[in-house]
Amino acid sequence: MPGDRDLWDQAQILAQVVLAITGPVFTFVFSQTNARAQKLQLQASLIDKLTDADETRRRIGLLLAQEIDPMFAAQAASALVTHDANPEVRRGARSILRSLVREGESEAGKLAAEILNRKGLAIELEEKNLADLITQARDHARMQSAHGREEALRLYQEVVAQLSSKARGDLDQKLLGEAQAAHREGHLDASLKAYEQVFSSHR
């Protein structure tokens, strides 16, 4: 029977073997956990900037996000590109998304391309200043006069005419067809109502 000393030596050897096997795994897991914690901390700091009342800090937050975490930058830009109150921040978000797409077939680039495709109509309305024409059309329609109705219809038709075929295809085709058909048939009230529905979600 081995003595206590022999048992102790064997235990030490076993411990060294176990440590040799599990040490790198533990180090890897710890390092991965630490990296995730650091990433979450960075994202929290970026969120503070991206939700700041100061538009300059929001724009800086987007630029920093692009450098630090492109996927997070794409997600943040998706929220800001059509919903931020400041046009410069929206423009910055569009720039970030397009920059990510140009960088290649990364996951962030694919996400940015999907966002630009999904929000293409709203982006085009803003970039071509067509959102302003929609606002003017609504103002004319609220006059509830023959002249106001005709001017509103003219503006809505101008918006449709200036859209690219891709953006035009993103409109509700059934409602758009109803608006155009009613106008051709001289049913101006029905046409105006349909146009208002076509652009109801674009403000």
C-alpha atoms as a PDB file:
ATOM      1  CA  MET A   1       0.000   0.000   0.000  1.00  0.00           C
ATOM      2  CA  PRO A   2       1.387   3.374  -0.869  1.00  0.00           C
ATOM      3  CA  GLY A   3       2.154   5.693   2.002  1.00  0.00           C
ATOM      4  CA  ASP A   4       0.646   9.110   2.606  1.00  0.00           C
ATOM      5  CA  ARG A   5       3.588  10.713   0.842  1.00  0.00           C
ATOM      6  CA  ASP A   6       3.017   8.613  -2.275  1.00  0.00           C
ATOM      7  CA  LEU A   7      -0.692   9.460  -2.280  1.00  0.00           C
ATOM      8  CA  TRP A   8       0.110  13.160  -1.940  1.00  0.00           C
ATOM      9  CA  ASP A   9       2.598  12.999  -4.813  1.00  0.00           C
ATOM     10  CA  GLN A  10       0.056  11.190  -7.004  1.00  0.00           C
ATOM     11  CA  ALA A  11      -2.595  13.808  -6.134  1.00  0.00           C
ATOM     12  CA  GLN A  12      -0.220  16.595  -7.099  1.00  0.00           C
ATOM     13  CA  ILE A  13       0.574  14.921 -10.409  1.00  0.00           C
ATOM     14  CA  LEU A  14      -3.139  14.401 -11.113  1.00  0.00           C
ATOM     15  CA  ALA A  15      -3.868  18.037 -10.270  1.00  0.00           C
ATOM     16  CA  GLN A  16      -1.109  19.178 -12.619  1.00  0.00           C
ATOM     17  CA  VAL A  17      -2.506  16.995 -15.419  1.00  0.00           C
ATOM     18  CA  VAL A  18      -6.043  18.308 -14.869  1.00  0.00           C
ATOM     19  CA  LEU A  19      -4.763  21.894 -14.781  1.00  0.00           C
ATOM     20  CA  ALA A  20      -2.762  21.339 -17.952  1.00  0.00           C
ATOM     21  CA  ILE A  21      -5.899  20.091 -19.703  1.00  0.00           C
ATOM     22  CA  THR A  22      -8.470  22.525 -18.325  1.00  0.00           C
ATOM     23  CA  GLY A  23      -6.285  25.606 -17.898  1.00  0.00           C
ATOM     24  CA  PRO A  24      -6.373  26.705 -21.549  1.00  0.00           C
ATOM     25  CA  VAL A  25     -10.126  26.008 -21.677  1.00  0.00           C
ATOM     26  CA  PHE A  26     -10.738  28.101 -18.570  1.00  0.00           C
ATOM     27  CA  THR A  27      -8.511  30.882 -19.929  1.00  0.00           C
ATOM     28  CA  PHE A  28     -10.401  30.826 -23.245  1.00  0.00           C
ATOM     29  CA  VAL A  29     -13.816  30.880 -21.553  1.00  0.00           C
ATOM     30  CA  PHE A  30     -12.737  33.662 -19.205  1.00  0.00           C
ATOM     31  CA  SER A  31     -11.288  35.632 -22.069  1.00  0.00           C
ATOM     32  CA  GLN A  32     -14.491  35.170 -24.127  1.00  0.00           C
ATOM     33  CA  THR A  33     -16.667  36.194 -21.162  1.00  0.00           C
ATOM     34  CA  ASN A  34     -14.458  39.208 -20.535  1.00  0.00           C
ATOM     35  CA  ALA A  35     -14.631  40.186 -24.213  1.00  0.00           C
ATOM     36  CA  ARG A  36     -18.441  39.960 -24.162  1.00  0.00           C
ATOM     37  CA  ALA A  37     -18.575  42.099 -21.029  1.00  0.00           C
ATOM     38  CA  GLN A  38     -16.326  44.696 -22.648  1.00  0.00           C
ATOM     39  CA  LYS A  39     -18.462  44.654 -25.801  1.00  0.00           C
ATOM     40  CA  LEU A  40     -21.640  45.205 -23.781  1.00  0.00           C
ATOM     41  CA  GLN A  41     -19.964  48.035 -21.900  1.00  0.00           C
ATOM     42  CA  LEU A  42     -18.897  49.677 -25.163  1.00  0.00           C
ATOM     43  CA  GLN A  43     -22.382  49.284 -26.613  1.00  0.00           C
ATOM     44  CA  ALA A  44     -23.907  50.851 -23.502  1.00  0.00           C
ATOM     45  CA  SER A  45     -21.560  53.809 -23.910  1.00  0.00           C
ATOM     46  CA  LEU A  46     -22.510  54.113 -27.597  1.00  0.00           C
ATOM     47  CA  ILE A  47     -26.222  53.943 -26.771  1.00  0.00           C
ATOM     48  CA  ASP A  48     -25.744  56.917 -24.441  1.00  0.00           C
ATOM     49  CA  LYS A  49     -24.330  58.896 -27.366  1.00  0.00           C
ATOM     50  CA  LEU A  50     -26.877  57.639 -29.893  1.00  0.00           C
ATOM     51  CA  THR A  51     -29.792  58.680 -27.682  1.00  0.00           C
ATOM     52  CA  ASP A  52     -28.280  61.995 -26.591  1.00  0.00           C
ATOM     53  CA  ALA A  53     -30.375  65.127 -27.105  1.00  0.00           C
ATOM     54  CA  ASP A  54     -27.409  66.728 -28.896  1.00  0.00           C
ATOM     55  CA  GLU A  55     -27.487  65.724 -32.584  1.00  0.00           C
ATOM     56  CA  THR A  56     -23.700  66.130 -32.866  1.00  0.00           C
ATOM     57  CA  ARG A  57     -23.164  63.504 -30.174  1.00  0.00           C
ATOM     58  CA  ARG A  58     -25.591  61.170 -31.969  1.00  0.00           C
ATOM     59  CA  ARG A  59     -23.623  61.548 -35.202  1.00  0.00           C
ATOM     60  CA  ILE A  60     -20.336  60.952 -33.355  1.00  0.00           C
ATOM     61  CA  GLY A  61     -21.891  57.883 -31.734  1.00  0.00           C
ATOM     62  CA  LEU A  62     -22.680  56.439 -35.171  1.00  0.00           C
ATOM     63  CA  LEU A  63     -19.138  57.021 -36.422  1.00  0.00           C
ATOM     64  CA  LEU A  64     -17.642  55.434 -33.310  1.00  0.00           C
ATOM     65  CA  ALA A  65     -20.005  52.470 -33.610  1.00  0.00           C
ATOM     66  CA  GLN A  66     -18.876  51.884 -37.191  1.00  0.00           C
ATOM     67  CA  GLU A  67     -15.254  51.665 -36.046  1.00  0.00           C
ATOM     68  CA  ILE A  68     -15.881  49.616 -32.893  1.00  0.00           C
ATOM     69  CA  ASP A  69     -18.782  47.306 -33.795  1.00  0.00           C
ATOM     70  CA  PRO A  70     -20.055  47.403 -37.419  1.00  0.00           C
ATOM     71  CA  MET A  71     -23.050  45.137 -36.717  1.00  0.00           C
ATOM     72  CA  PHE A  72     -24.162  47.372 -33.868  1.00  0.00           C
ATOM     73  CA  ALA A  73     -23.592  50.401 -36.124  1.00  0.00           C
ATOM     74  CA  ALA A  74     -25.903  48.925 -38.770  1.00  0.00           C
ATOM     75  CA  GLN A  75     -28.607  48.262 -36.180  1.00  0.00           C
ATOM     76  CA  ALA A  76     -28.288  51.767 -34.737  1.00  0.00           C
ATOM     77  CA  ALA A  77     -28.323  53.370 -38.187  1.00  0.00           C
ATOM     78  CA  SER A  78     -31.471  51.403 -39.012  1.00  0.00           C
ATOM     79  CA  ALA A  79     -33.267  53.083 -36.105  1.00  0.00           C
ATOM     80  CA  LEU A  80     -31.968  56.569 -36.882  1.00  0.00           C
ATOM     81  CA  VAL A  81     -32.120  56.622 -40.683  1.00  0.00           C
ATOM     82  CA  THR A  82     -35.845  57.345 -40.834  1.00  0.00           C
ATOM     83  CA  HIS A  83     -36.842  58.189 -37.259  1.00  0.00           C
ATOM     84  CA  ASP A  84     -34.283  60.684 -35.971  1.00  0.00           C
ATOM     85  CA  ALA A  85     -35.705  64.198 -35.763  1.00  0.00           C
ATOM     86  CA  ASN A  86     -32.541  65.785 -37.176  1.00  0.00           C
ATOM     87  CA  PRO A  87     -31.943  65.572 -40.965  1.00  0.00           C
ATOM     88  CA  GLU A  88     -28.154  65.625 -40.507  1.00  0.00           C
ATOM     89  CA  VAL A  89     -28.319  62.582 -38.233  1.00  0.00           C
ATOM     90  CA  ARG A  90     -30.544  60.796 -40.767  1.00  0.00           C
ATOM     91  CA  ARG A  91     -28.075  61.689 -43.516  1.00  0.00           C
ATOM     92  CA  GLY A  92     -25.225  60.378 -41.364  1.00  0.00           C
ATOM     93  CA  ALA A  93     -27.092  57.116 -40.789  1.00  0.00           C
ATOM     94  CA  ARG A  94     -27.579  56.662 -44.541  1.00  0.00           C
ATOM     95  CA  SER A  95     -23.881  57.300 -45.083  1.00  0.00           C
ATOM     96  CA  ILE A  96     -22.928  54.703 -42.459  1.00  0.00           C
ATOM     97  CA  LEU A  97     -25.195  52.071 -44.023  1.00  0.00           C
ATOM     98  CA  ARG A  98     -23.833  52.691 -47.526  1.00  0.00           C
ATOM     99  CA  SER A  99     -20.275  52.644 -46.232  1.00  0.00           C
ATOM    100  CA  LEU A 100     -20.879  49.252 -44.591  1.00  0.00           C
ATOM    101  CA  VAL A 101     -22.292  47.880 -47.858  1.00  0.00           C
ATOM    102  CA  ARG A 102     -19.202  49.069 -49.771  1.00  0.00           C
ATOM    103  CA  GLU A 103     -16.891  47.310 -47.329  1.00  0.00           C
ATOM    104  CA  GLY A 104     -17.848  43.915 -48.746  1.00  0.00           C
ATOM    105  CA  GLU A 105     -19.696  40.738 -47.922  1.00  0.00           C
ATOM    106  CA  SER A 106     -19.436  41.012 -44.151  1.00  0.00           C
ATOM    107  CA  GLU A 107     -22.424  40.279 -41.913  1.00  0.00           C
ATOM    108  CA  ALA A 108     -22.674  43.997 -41.152  1.00  0.00           C
ATOM    109  CA  GLY A 109     -22.574  44.790 -44.870  1.00  0.00           C
ATOM    110  CA  LYS A 110     -25.351  42.294 -45.602  1.00  0.00           C
ATOM    111  CA  LEU A 111     -27.491  43.722 -42.809  1.00  0.00           C
ATOM    112  CA  ALA A 112     -26.885  47.281 -44.038  1.00  0.00           C
ATOM    113  CA  ALA A 113     -27.897  46.286 -47.582  1.00  0.00           C
ATOM    114  CA  GLU A 114     -31.099  44.697 -46.267  1.00  0.00           C
ATOM    115  CA  ILE A 115     -31.921  47.836 -44.253  1.00  0.00           C
ATOM    116  CA  LEU A 116     -31.327  50.122 -47.242  1.00  0.00           C
ATOM    117  CA  ASN A 117     -33.526  47.915 -49.394  1.00  0.00           C
ATOM    118  CA  ARG A 118     -36.308  47.755 -46.795  1.00  0.00           C
ATOM    119  CA  LYS A 119     -36.271  51.487 -46.107  1.00  0.00           C
ATOM    120  CA  GLY A 120     -35.487  52.538 -49.667  1.00  0.00           C
ATOM    121  CA  LEU A 121     -38.799  54.304 -50.270  1.00  0.00           C
ATOM    122  CA  ALA A 122     -38.597  56.472 -47.144  1.00  0.00           C
ATOM    123  CA  ILE A 123     -34.943  57.295 -47.877  1.00  0.00           C
ATOM    124  CA  GLU A 124     -35.698  58.276 -51.469  1.00  0.00           C
ATOM    125  CA  LEU A 125     -38.626  60.453 -50.427  1.00  0.00           C
ATOM    126  CA  GLU A 126     -36.299  62.397 -48.154  1.00  0.00           C
ATOM    127  CA  GLU A 127     -33.308  62.592 -50.474  1.00  0.00           C
ATOM    128  CA  LYS A 128     -35.436  63.884 -53.360  1.00  0.00           C
ATOM    129  CA  ASN A 129     -37.291  66.291 -51.040  1.00  0.00           C
ATOM    130  CA  LEU A 130     -40.529  64.510 -51.918  1.00  0.00           C
ATOM    131  CA  ALA A 131     -41.566  64.254 -48.283  1.00  0.00           C
ATOM    132  CA  ASP A 132     -42.039  68.026 -48.375  1.00  0.00           C
ATOM    133  CA  LEU A 133     -44.372  67.682 -51.378  1.00  0.00           C
ATOM    134  CA  ILE A 134     -46.443  65.108 -49.472  1.00  0.00           C
ATOM    135  CA  THR A 135     -46.753  67.548 -46.567  1.00  0.00           C
ATOM    136  CA  GLN A 136     -47.840  70.300 -48.977  1.00  0.00           C
ATOM    137  CA  ALA A 137     -50.392  67.959 -50.568  1.00  0.00           C
ATOM    138  CA  ARG A 138     -51.915  67.243 -47.155  1.00  0.00           C
ATOM    139  CA  ASP A 139     -52.067  70.955 -46.390  1.00  0.00           C
ATOM    140  CA  HIS A 140     -53.908  71.647 -49.647  1.00  0.00           C
ATOM    141  CA  ALA A 141     -56.313  68.759 -49.052  1.00  0.00           C
ATOM    142  CA  ARG A 142     -57.211  70.205 -45.650  1.00  0.00           C
ATOM    143  CA  MET A 143     -58.454  73.389 -47.364  1.00  0.00           C
ATOM    144  CA  GLN A 144     -61.517  71.385 -48.486  1.00  0.00           C
ATOM    145  CA  SER A 145     -61.870  73.476 -51.619  1.00  0.00           C
ATOM    146  CA  ALA A 146     -61.843  72.534 -55.298  1.00  0.00           C
ATOM    147  CA  HIS A 147     -58.535  74.342 -55.816  1.00  0.00           C
ATOM    148  CA  GLY A 148     -56.999  72.715 -52.736  1.00  0.00           C
ATOM    149  CA  ARG A 149     -58.106  69.258 -53.871  1.00  0.00           C
ATOM    150  CA  GLU A 150     -56.702  69.749 -57.391  1.00  0.00           C
ATOM    151  CA  GLU A 151     -53.400  71.043 -56.070  1.00  0.00           C
ATOM    152  CA  ALA A 152     -53.120  68.148 -53.626  1.00  0.00           C
ATOM    153  CA  LEU A 153     -53.721  65.663 -56.444  1.00  0.00           C
ATOM    154  CA  ARG A 154     -51.130  67.389 -58.620  1.00  0.00           C
ATOM    155  CA  LEU A 155     -48.540  67.160 -55.840  1.00  0.00           C
ATOM    156  CA  TYR A 156     -49.244  63.501 -55.113  1.00  0.00           C
ATOM    157  CA  GLN A 157     -48.916  62.685 -58.814  1.00  0.00           C
ATOM    158  CA  GLU A 158     -45.641  64.604 -58.960  1.00  0.00           C
ATOM    159  CA  VAL A 159     -44.286  62.555 -56.063  1.00  0.00           C
ATOM    160  CA  VAL A 160     -45.179  59.300 -57.821  1.00  0.00           C
ATOM    161  CA  ALA A 161     -43.650  60.514 -61.095  1.00  0.00           C
ATOM    162  CA  GLN A 162     -40.335  61.436 -59.457  1.00  0.00           C
ATOM    163  CA  LEU A 163     -39.895  58.129 -57.637  1.00  0.00           C
ATOM    164  CA  SER A 164     -37.616  55.479 -59.090  1.00  0.00           C
ATOM    165  CA  SER A 165     -39.301  52.329 -60.384  1.00  0.00           C
ATOM    166  CA  LYS A 166     -37.937  50.441 -57.350  1.00  0.00           C
ATOM    167  CA  ALA A 167     -39.396  52.955 -54.858  1.00  0.00           C
ATOM    168  CA  ARG A 168     -42.649  53.171 -56.794  1.00  0.00           C
ATOM    169  CA  GLY A 169     -42.911  49.404 -56.536  1.00  0.00           C
ATOM    170  CA  ASP A 170     -42.701  49.686 -52.755  1.00  0.00           C
ATOM    171  CA  LEU A 171     -45.953  51.663 -52.665  1.00  0.00           C
ATOM    172  CA  ASP A 172     -49.247  49.868 -52.096  1.00  0.00           C
ATOM    173  CA  GLN A 173     -49.965  48.968 -55.723  1.00  0.00           C
ATOM    174  CA  LYS A 174     -53.665  48.297 -55.163  1.00  0.00           C
ATOM    175  CA  LEU A 175     -54.267  51.709 -53.584  1.00  0.00           C
ATOM    176  CA  LEU A 176     -52.069  53.451 -56.156  1.00  0.00           C
ATOM    177  CA  GLY A 177     -54.023  51.823 -58.977  1.00  0.00           C
ATOM    178  CA  GLU A 178     -57.305  52.912 -57.376  1.00  0.00           C
ATOM    179  CA  ALA A 179     -56.040  56.501 -57.027  1.00  0.00           C
ATOM    180  CA  GLN A 180     -54.933  56.681 -60.651  1.00  0.00           C
ATOM    181  CA  ALA A 181     -58.075  55.017 -62.006  1.00  0.00           C
ATOM    182  CA  ALA A 182     -60.378  57.308 -59.994  1.00  0.00           C
ATOM    183  CA  HIS A 183     -58.497  60.343 -61.284  1.00  0.00           C
ATOM    184  CA  ARG A 184     -58.805  59.212 -64.907  1.00  0.00           C
ATOM    185  CA  GLU A 185     -62.536  58.721 -64.409  1.00  0.00           C
ATOM    186  CA  GLY A 186     -62.942  62.169 -62.872  1.00  0.00           C
ATOM    187  CA  HIS A 187     -63.686  60.942 -59.337  1.00  0.00           C
ATOM    188  CA  LEU A 188     -61.335  63.432 -57.709  1.00  0.00           C
ATOM    189  CA  ASP A 189     -62.477  62.990 -54.124  1.00  0.00           C
ATOM    190  CA  ALA A 190     -62.018  59.216 -54.354  1.00  0.00           C
ATOM    191  CA  SER A 191     -58.635  59.701 -56.038  1.00  0.00           C
ATOM    192  CA  LEU A 192     -57.438  62.075 -53.348  1.00  0.00           C
ATOM    193  CA  LYS A 193     -58.577  59.726 -50.586  1.00  0.00           C
ATOM    194  CA  ALA A 194     -56.678  56.829 -52.177  1.00  0.00           C
ATOM    195  CA  TYR A 195     -53.493  58.911 -52.615  1.00  0.00           C
ATOM    196  CA  GLU A 196     -53.699  59.950 -48.973  1.00  0.00           C
ATOM    197  CA  GLN A 197     -53.856  56.280 -48.017  1.00  0.00           C
ATOM    198  CA  VAL A 198     -50.906  55.433 -50.283  1.00  0.00           C
ATOM    199  CA  PHE A 199     -48.708  57.921 -48.446  1.00  0.00           C
ATOM    200  CA  SER A 200     -50.337  57.690 -44.997  1.00  0.00           C
ATOM    201  CA  SER A 201     -47.267  56.131 -43.364  1.00  0.00           C
ATOM    202  CA  HIS A 202     -44.819  58.646 -44.856  1.00  0.00           C
ATOM    203  CA  ARG A 203     -44.736  61.804 -42.792  1.00  0.00           C
END
